[in-house]
Amino acid sequence: MDDKPLCLLALGQQYGSSLATITRVANSCLDGGGIRGLSELLILEEVMGRIKHDLDMADDPLPADFFDLIGGTSTGGLIALLLGRVRLSVPEARKEYEIFSVKTYLKSSKFDSWTLEKAVKSLLGRRLGNGEKRMLDRSKSSCKVFVCAVPQQDVRSRNGPRLFRTYTIRNNPTFNCTIWEACRATSAAPTYFDPIEIGEEWEREAFVDAGLGYNNPIEQVLEEARLVFPGRRIACIVSIGTGLARVLKFPPSPRTNPLKLIEALKTMATESDTTAERVQKRFQNIKDTYLRFSVDRGLNDIKLEEWENLGEVRTYTTGYLEQDTVSSCIDTVVVALLASKAGQGQGESTTQAQISGSQSVEMGGSQRQPQMMRWRPDRPIPSFPLRIEAIADTST
């Protein structure tokens, strides 16, 4: 059994201060997606940039070479697929990210789903050689990825969101849809994008994004890790959001204005921060294992349609990353990611970090041999005694 410690990544999203009502007055799930999803990429870019520096790499490292499992919701799901299934570096993902720009799809108060589908297929054609490539990835070195969506007819299913995976599981596997279908499902915000039907032709189900209740997929990541990697040790569990939610207030007289009540109830579904706090408590006695990143000021006032304000997203995210406590947490993640790849070096102060170096072979290219990169850690390498089964015990 492979005993390399696991590195897990959860990418969430956060609704903005004025959520969509049934009258389509406000923002969709991509508010905290669309433009604010850039913040997640900038945080990951800082992590990968430090790894590049520490290993003295010429090329940008791939998150898919370091994380064993990536799960995402809505825009976090889109980013998860770009990084894990398409195997892009963070700078490459940032360049491709503009295809999800609101200005491209807004059409008389509703987004043009067909245009988004066409853009995603074009991206997949360029990167993987086939716009109809399916989610399942059988390559041995692949990073496992899932994205969250919910059936339109049962958005609060007792079993949680439906996961579209790049890997197989024994019990209750989901339909092996195309990558572009998974992109559409995880970003199909009610009132803006149309639902998407997925499945065999005679039994298709309609799916919408999982933003109403599952903004933060960290608990789904932990559950999937238990299913897929039994017995494995854990190096780090990283959760990244797109900013803190605003304070929720009920209208004083809901009977006189039901639309405001609906808006308040839908705002309650922005449970990213609540989920993060609940999981944090589970790991409060386990040092440097669970690390949560989410810009703590500024982003909650940036709306979906404000793509001209990308500079503000960078400003607030950069300020967040420059905080000493946040920078220290980034270093903790970097050490965990590198240590999970570490092997014995030639000297007492040197270790070797094995990087798969594998690029997508789906376009007919050859797979490169793993690279051994010299790493001189400036702190003791953690032993990572916690195993995946022990996560359940941390809730007590």
Protein backbone atom coordinates (compact mmCIF):
# COMPACT_ATOMS: atom_id res chain seq x y z
CA MET A 1 0.00 0.00 0.00
CA ASP A 2 1.25 3.46 -0.86
CA ASP A 3 2.04 5.24 2.41
CA LYS A 4 2.95 8.64 1.00
CA PRO A 5 1.07 11.23 3.06
CA LEU A 6 -1.96 12.79 1.40
CA CYS A 7 -2.42 16.42 0.40
CA LEU A 8 -6.06 17.46 0.04
CA LEU A 9 -7.52 20.67 -1.43
CA ALA A 10 -11.05 22.09 -1.18
CA LEU A 11 -12.03 25.06 -3.35
CA GLY A 12 -15.25 26.79 -2.39
CA GLN A 13 -17.14 29.93 -3.27
CA GLN A 14 -19.17 32.56 -1.47
CA TYR A 15 -22.32 34.33 -2.51
CA GLY A 16 -22.23 38.08 -2.33
CA SER A 17 -24.22 40.48 -0.23
CA SER A 18 -27.22 40.61 -2.58
CA LEU A 19 -28.19 37.10 -3.59
CA ALA A 20 -30.50 36.22 -6.41
CA THR A 21 -34.20 36.20 -5.61
CA ILE A 22 -36.87 34.62 -7.74
CA THR A 23 -37.13 37.93 -9.57
CA ARG A 24 -33.48 37.69 -10.71
CA VAL A 25 -32.63 40.94 -9.03
CA ALA A 26 -29.18 40.09 -7.84
CA ASN A 27 -26.12 37.93 -8.25
CA SER A 28 -25.55 34.28 -9.06
CA CYS A 29 -23.19 31.73 -7.58
CA LEU A 30 -20.35 33.21 -9.58
CA ASP A 31 -20.45 36.25 -7.31
CA GLY A 32 -17.66 34.94 -5.21
CA GLY A 33 -17.08 32.92 -8.25
CA GLY A 34 -16.56 34.75 -11.52
CA ILE A 35 -14.37 37.62 -10.46
CA ARG A 36 -13.67 36.64 -6.88
CA GLY A 37 -12.50 33.17 -7.88
CA LEU A 38 -9.32 34.94 -8.98
CA SER A 39 -8.53 35.27 -5.28
CA GLU A 40 -8.32 31.48 -4.93
CA LEU A 41 -5.91 31.31 -7.85
CA LEU A 42 -3.73 34.06 -6.39
CA ILE A 43 -3.50 32.23 -3.07
CA LEU A 44 -2.56 29.00 -4.85
CA GLU A 45 -0.08 30.91 -7.00
CA GLU A 46 1.72 32.06 -3.84
CA VAL A 47 1.92 28.46 -2.62
CA MET A 48 3.21 27.15 -5.95
CA GLY A 49 5.57 30.11 -6.35
CA ARG A 50 7.30 29.30 -3.08
CA ILE A 51 7.63 25.66 -4.14
CA LYS A 52 9.16 26.76 -7.43
CA HIS A 53 11.67 28.89 -5.55
CA ASP A 54 12.55 26.25 -2.96
CA LEU A 55 13.13 23.56 -5.61
CA ASP A 56 14.85 25.98 -7.99
CA MET A 57 12.49 24.89 -10.78
CA ALA A 58 12.60 26.42 -14.25
CA ASP A 59 8.94 25.70 -15.02
CA ASP A 60 5.88 26.47 -12.96
CA PRO A 61 4.97 23.50 -10.76
CA LEU A 62 1.57 21.89 -11.27
CA PRO A 63 -0.84 21.67 -8.34
CA ALA A 64 -1.87 18.28 -9.76
CA ASP A 65 1.64 17.01 -8.98
CA PHE A 66 1.29 17.89 -5.30
CA PHE A 67 -2.37 17.47 -4.35
CA ASP A 68 -3.79 13.95 -4.33
CA LEU A 69 -7.43 15.09 -4.29
CA ILE A 70 -9.06 18.39 -5.26
CA GLY A 71 -12.76 19.07 -4.76
CA GLY A 72 -14.66 22.20 -5.75
CA THR A 73 -18.05 23.88 -5.82
CA SER A 74 -19.20 26.36 -8.46
CA THR A 75 -16.23 28.53 -9.45
CA GLY A 76 -14.11 26.45 -7.12
CA GLY A 77 -15.23 23.46 -9.18
CA LEU A 78 -14.19 25.14 -12.41
CA ILE A 79 -10.76 25.89 -10.95
CA ALA A 80 -10.47 22.32 -9.63
CA LEU A 81 -11.02 20.96 -13.14
CA LEU A 82 -8.54 23.37 -14.71
CA LEU A 83 -5.83 22.48 -12.21
CA GLY A 84 -6.53 18.81 -11.61
CA ARG A 85 -8.21 17.31 -14.67
CA VAL A 86 -6.72 19.54 -17.37
CA ARG A 87 -3.45 19.75 -15.38
CA LEU A 88 -2.68 23.44 -15.79
CA SER A 89 -0.23 25.46 -13.76
CA VAL A 90 -1.76 28.29 -11.77
CA PRO A 91 -0.52 30.97 -14.21
CA GLU A 92 -2.00 28.97 -17.10
CA ALA A 93 -5.31 28.62 -15.24
CA ARG A 94 -5.41 32.37 -14.62
CA LYS A 95 -4.99 33.04 -18.33
CA GLU A 96 -7.77 30.60 -19.22
CA TYR A 97 -10.01 31.94 -16.46
CA GLU A 98 -11.32 34.82 -18.54
CA ILE A 99 -13.49 32.40 -20.51
CA PHE A 100 -15.77 32.48 -17.47
CA SER A 101 -16.05 36.26 -17.67
CA VAL A 102 -19.60 37.44 -17.09
CA LYS A 103 -19.39 39.98 -19.89
CA THR A 104 -19.01 37.09 -22.33
CA TYR A 105 -22.25 35.37 -21.34
CA LEU A 106 -24.64 38.04 -20.08
CA LYS A 107 -27.58 38.25 -22.43
CA SER A 108 -30.67 40.26 -21.41
CA SER A 109 -30.46 39.49 -17.67
CA LYS A 110 -29.57 35.82 -18.19
CA PHE A 111 -26.33 34.10 -19.05
CA ASP A 112 -25.95 32.37 -22.40
CA SER A 113 -25.30 28.76 -21.46
CA TRP A 114 -24.52 27.73 -25.04
CA THR A 115 -21.73 30.29 -25.29
CA LEU A 116 -20.16 28.99 -22.09
CA GLU A 117 -20.34 25.41 -23.34
CA LYS A 118 -18.68 26.41 -26.61
CA ALA A 119 -15.87 28.22 -24.77
CA VAL A 120 -15.17 25.31 -22.43
CA LYS A 121 -15.12 22.83 -25.33
CA SER A 122 -12.66 25.08 -27.15
CA LEU A 123 -10.40 25.17 -24.09
CA LEU A 124 -10.51 21.39 -23.76
CA GLY A 125 -9.78 21.00 -27.45
CA ARG A 126 -6.68 23.15 -27.14
CA ARG A 127 -5.47 21.56 -23.91
CA LEU A 128 -6.57 17.93 -24.20
CA GLY A 129 -7.15 17.54 -27.93
CA ASN A 130 -10.85 16.74 -27.57
CA GLY A 131 -13.65 19.02 -26.42
CA GLU A 132 -15.80 16.00 -25.58
CA LYS A 133 -13.29 14.37 -23.25
CA ARG A 134 -14.95 12.62 -20.32
CA MET A 135 -14.26 13.12 -16.64
CA LEU A 136 -12.83 9.68 -15.86
CA ASP A 137 -9.01 9.75 -15.91
CA ARG A 138 -7.32 6.36 -15.66
CA SER A 139 -3.70 7.54 -15.74
CA LYS A 140 -1.77 6.26 -12.73
CA SER A 141 -0.26 9.58 -11.72
CA SER A 142 -3.47 11.52 -11.99
CA CYS A 143 -4.67 13.90 -9.32
CA LYS A 144 -8.21 12.91 -8.37
CA VAL A 145 -10.84 15.63 -8.84
CA PHE A 146 -14.53 16.03 -8.13
CA VAL A 147 -16.99 18.88 -8.54
CA CYS A 148 -20.27 19.38 -6.71
CA ALA A 149 -23.73 19.89 -8.20
CA VAL A 150 -27.27 19.14 -7.02
CA PRO A 151 -30.30 17.65 -8.80
CA GLN A 152 -32.75 20.41 -9.66
CA GLN A 153 -35.59 18.33 -8.20
CA ASP A 154 -33.83 17.70 -4.88
CA VAL A 155 -31.40 20.51 -4.09
CA ARG A 156 -31.27 19.58 -0.39
CA SER A 157 -30.88 15.86 -0.78
CA ARG A 158 -30.37 13.94 2.45
CA ASN A 159 -27.17 12.54 0.94
CA GLY A 160 -25.63 15.91 0.13
CA PRO A 161 -24.49 17.12 -3.30
CA ARG A 162 -23.89 14.89 -6.30
CA LEU A 163 -20.19 14.54 -7.09
CA PHE A 164 -18.90 14.25 -10.64
CA ARG A 165 -15.55 12.48 -10.34
CA THR A 166 -12.44 11.83 -12.41
CA TYR A 167 -11.96 8.50 -10.60
CA THR A 168 -14.02 5.44 -9.78
CA ILE A 169 -15.50 4.41 -6.46
CA ARG A 170 -17.14 1.15 -5.43
CA ASN A 171 -20.47 2.40 -4.08
CA ASN A 172 -22.89 4.71 -5.86
CA PRO A 173 -20.60 5.99 -8.62
CA THR A 174 -21.84 8.97 -10.59
CA PHE A 175 -22.32 9.10 -14.34
CA ASN A 176 -19.10 9.56 -16.31
CA CYS A 177 -20.11 12.81 -18.01
CA THR A 178 -17.95 14.98 -20.22
CA ILE A 179 -15.69 17.57 -18.60
CA TRP A 180 -17.68 20.41 -20.11
CA GLU A 181 -20.91 18.95 -18.69
CA ALA A 182 -19.32 18.86 -15.24
CA CYS A 183 -18.26 22.50 -15.69
CA ARG A 184 -21.81 23.49 -16.60
CA ALA A 185 -23.35 21.51 -13.74
CA THR A 186 -21.13 22.94 -11.01
CA SER A 187 -21.69 26.51 -12.29
CA ALA A 188 -25.40 26.32 -13.24
CA ALA A 189 -26.60 29.02 -10.86
CA PRO A 190 -30.39 29.14 -10.58
CA THR A 191 -31.97 32.20 -12.23
CA TYR A 192 -28.93 32.86 -14.42
CA PHE A 193 -27.57 29.73 -16.10
CA ASP A 194 -30.00 27.11 -17.34
CA PRO A 195 -29.88 23.73 -15.59
CA ILE A 196 -28.04 21.05 -17.54
CA GLU A 197 -29.34 17.55 -18.15
CA ILE A 198 -26.77 14.79 -17.62
CA GLY A 199 -27.02 11.03 -17.94
CA GLU A 200 -28.06 8.37 -20.41
CA GLU A 201 -30.35 9.74 -23.09
CA TRP A 202 -33.48 8.05 -21.73
CA GLU A 203 -32.92 8.96 -18.04
CA ARG A 204 -31.25 12.34 -17.92
CA GLU A 205 -31.33 14.36 -14.69
CA ALA A 206 -31.32 18.16 -14.50
CA PHE A 207 -28.52 19.64 -12.36
CA VAL A 208 -27.81 23.07 -10.93
CA ASP A 209 -24.83 24.33 -8.99
CA ALA A 210 -24.40 23.29 -5.35
CA GLY A 211 -24.06 26.85 -4.05
CA LEU A 212 -27.27 26.66 -2.02
CA GLY A 213 -25.93 24.69 0.90
CA TYR A 214 -22.55 23.34 -0.21
CA ASN A 215 -20.41 26.42 -0.87
CA ASN A 216 -17.52 24.91 1.04
CA PRO A 217 -16.82 21.32 -0.08
CA ILE A 218 -14.28 20.54 2.65
CA GLU A 219 -16.49 17.91 4.27
CA GLN A 220 -17.02 16.22 0.90
CA VAL A 221 -13.23 16.24 0.38
CA LEU A 222 -12.68 14.53 3.73
CA GLU A 223 -15.34 11.93 3.03
CA GLU A 224 -13.97 11.17 -0.44
CA ALA A 225 -10.46 10.83 0.98
CA ARG A 226 -11.71 8.22 3.43
CA LEU A 227 -13.31 6.28 0.58
CA VAL A 228 -10.46 6.49 -1.90
CA PHE A 229 -7.34 6.44 0.28
CA PRO A 230 -7.99 4.04 3.20
CA GLY A 231 -5.12 3.76 5.64
CA ARG A 232 -3.15 6.70 4.22
CA ARG A 233 -1.47 9.35 6.35
CA ILE A 234 -2.39 13.02 5.96
CA ALA A 235 0.16 15.75 5.23
CA CYS A 236 -2.23 18.68 4.88
CA ILE A 237 -5.85 19.59 4.31
CA VAL A 238 -6.12 22.95 2.56
CA SER A 239 -9.39 24.84 2.17
CA ILE A 240 -9.60 28.04 0.13
CA GLY A 241 -12.59 30.37 -0.10
CA THR A 242 -13.39 33.59 -1.91
CA GLY A 243 -13.97 35.99 0.96
CA LEU A 244 -16.07 36.17 4.09
CA ALA A 245 -19.84 36.39 4.01
CA ARG A 246 -21.64 39.51 5.14
CA VAL A 247 -23.78 39.66 8.26
CA LEU A 248 -27.25 38.13 7.75
CA LYS A 249 -30.27 40.10 8.95
CA PHE A 250 -33.92 39.10 8.58
CA PRO A 251 -36.27 41.83 7.40
CA PRO A 252 -38.31 43.23 10.33
CA SER A 253 -41.70 42.47 8.72
CA PRO A 254 -41.30 39.48 6.43
CA ARG A 255 -45.06 39.09 5.94
CA THR A 256 -45.23 42.43 4.20
CA ASN A 257 -42.34 41.69 1.85
CA PRO A 258 -41.97 37.98 1.03
CA LEU A 259 -39.24 38.63 -1.52
CA LYS A 260 -36.98 40.02 1.20
CA LEU A 261 -37.66 36.95 3.29
CA ILE A 262 -36.75 34.72 0.36
CA GLU A 263 -33.56 36.69 -0.12
CA ALA A 264 -32.66 36.30 3.56
CA LEU A 265 -33.39 32.57 3.49
CA LYS A 266 -31.26 32.10 0.41
CA THR A 267 -28.46 34.08 2.04
CA MET A 268 -28.54 31.54 4.88
CA ALA A 269 -27.32 29.02 2.33
CA THR A 270 -23.92 30.75 2.24
CA GLU A 271 -22.52 28.39 4.80
CA SER A 272 -18.84 28.49 3.73
CA ASP A 273 -17.66 30.21 6.89
CA THR A 274 -19.90 28.10 9.15
CA THR A 275 -18.56 24.91 7.60
CA ALA A 276 -14.99 26.17 7.90
CA GLU A 277 -15.48 26.91 11.59
CA ARG A 278 -17.07 23.51 12.20
CA VAL A 279 -14.17 21.70 10.54
CA GLN A 280 -11.63 23.92 12.32
CA LYS A 281 -13.02 22.72 15.64
CA ARG A 282 -12.55 19.12 14.57
CA PHE A 283 -8.83 19.79 14.06
CA GLN A 284 -8.23 22.23 16.89
CA ASN A 285 -5.96 19.79 18.73
CA ILE A 286 -4.08 18.70 15.61
CA LYS A 287 -1.43 21.22 14.69
CA ASP A 288 -0.62 22.26 11.12
CA THR A 289 -2.95 19.79 9.41
CA TYR A 290 -6.05 21.76 8.45
CA LEU A 291 -5.36 25.21 6.96
CA ARG A 292 -8.09 27.57 5.80
CA PHE A 293 -7.49 30.60 3.55
CA SER A 294 -10.10 33.20 2.65
CA VAL A 295 -9.51 36.93 2.19
CA ASP A 296 -10.98 38.64 5.24
CA ARG A 297 -11.82 42.10 3.90
CA GLY A 298 -12.83 43.85 0.71
CA LEU A 299 -14.03 41.03 -1.52
CA ASN A 300 -17.58 40.83 -0.22
CA ASP A 301 -18.42 44.18 -1.85
CA ILE A 302 -17.18 43.17 -5.31
CA LYS A 303 -20.08 41.94 -7.44
CA LEU A 304 -20.35 39.38 -10.19
CA GLU A 305 -20.53 41.80 -13.09
CA GLU A 306 -17.56 43.90 -12.00
CA TRP A 307 -14.88 42.21 -14.09
CA GLU A 308 -13.24 45.60 -14.55
CA ASN A 309 -12.35 45.39 -10.84
CA LEU A 310 -9.98 42.44 -11.08
CA GLY A 311 -7.27 44.81 -9.83
CA GLU A 312 -9.22 45.21 -6.59
CA VAL A 313 -9.36 41.44 -6.13
CA ARG A 314 -5.58 41.33 -6.52
CA THR A 315 -5.12 44.26 -4.12
CA TYR A 316 -7.19 42.74 -1.33
CA THR A 317 -5.74 39.25 -1.85
CA THR A 318 -2.16 40.54 -1.89
CA GLY A 319 -2.76 42.45 1.33
CA TYR A 320 -4.18 39.30 2.89
CA LEU A 321 -1.19 37.17 1.81
CA GLU A 322 1.29 39.71 3.17
CA GLN A 323 0.02 39.27 6.73
CA ASP A 324 2.61 37.47 8.83
CA THR A 325 0.17 34.88 10.16
CA VAL A 326 -1.14 34.07 6.67
CA SER A 327 2.38 33.90 5.23
CA SER A 328 3.38 31.50 7.99
CA CYS A 329 0.41 29.27 7.15
CA ILE A 330 1.42 29.34 3.48
CA ASP A 331 4.88 28.12 4.51
CA THR A 332 3.28 25.33 6.51
CA VAL A 333 1.40 24.21 3.40
CA VAL A 334 4.57 24.41 1.27
CA VAL A 335 6.53 22.25 3.73
CA ALA A 336 3.71 19.69 3.87
CA LEU A 337 3.43 19.51 0.07
CA LEU A 338 7.18 19.10 -0.38
CA ALA A 339 7.55 16.67 2.51
CA SER A 340 4.80 14.50 1.03
CA LYS A 341 7.07 14.02 -1.98
CA ALA A 342 10.34 13.75 -0.06
CA GLY A 343 12.83 10.95 -0.40
CA GLN A 344 16.32 10.40 0.95
CA GLY A 345 18.95 12.81 -0.35
CA GLN A 346 22.72 12.57 -0.68
CA GLY A 347 23.47 14.51 2.48
CA GLU A 348 22.03 14.97 5.93
CA SER A 349 20.69 18.42 5.09
CA THR A 350 19.36 17.51 1.65
CA THR A 351 16.26 15.63 0.63
CA GLN A 352 14.86 14.76 -2.76
CA ALA A 353 11.35 15.82 -3.72
CA GLN A 354 9.90 13.57 -6.41
CA ILE A 355 7.79 15.46 -8.95
CA SER A 356 5.90 13.33 -11.43
CA GLY A 357 6.52 15.74 -14.29
CA SER A 358 3.66 14.11 -16.15
CA GLN A 359 1.82 16.21 -18.66
CA SER A 360 -1.44 15.19 -20.25
CA VAL A 361 -0.85 12.25 -22.59
CA GLU A 362 -4.36 12.47 -23.97
CA MET A 363 -3.16 14.36 -27.04
CA GLY A 364 -0.78 11.56 -27.97
CA GLY A 365 2.30 12.96 -26.24
CA SER A 366 4.70 10.92 -24.17
CA GLN A 367 4.76 10.92 -20.39
CA ARG A 368 7.95 12.27 -18.87
CA GLN A 369 9.79 10.35 -16.19
CA PRO A 370 9.44 11.57 -12.59
CA GLN A 371 11.94 14.26 -11.67
CA MET A 372 13.94 14.24 -8.44
CA MET A 373 14.36 17.82 -7.26
CA ARG A 374 16.84 18.74 -4.53
CA TRP A 375 15.23 20.37 -1.51
CA ARG A 376 16.95 21.83 1.52
CA PRO A 377 14.22 22.23 4.16
CA ASP A 378 14.77 25.00 6.71
CA ARG A 379 12.81 23.12 9.39
CA PRO A 380 12.42 19.49 10.47
CA ILE A 381 10.30 17.42 8.11
CA PRO A 382 7.01 16.49 9.80
CA SER A 383 6.28 12.82 10.45
CA PHE A 384 2.54 13.11 9.65
CA PRO A 385 1.23 10.49 12.10
CA LEU A 386 -2.47 11.21 11.47
CA ARG A 387 -4.22 8.71 9.23
CA ILE A 388 -7.34 9.33 7.22
CA GLU A 389 -9.50 7.08 9.43
CA ALA A 390 -8.64 9.21 12.47
CA ILE A 391 -10.48 12.22 11.01
CA ALA A 392 -13.79 10.90 12.26
CA ASP A 393 -12.42 10.76 15.79
CA THR A 394 -11.43 14.46 15.76
CA SER A 395 -15.06 15.54 16.10
CA THR A 396 -15.18 14.29 19.71
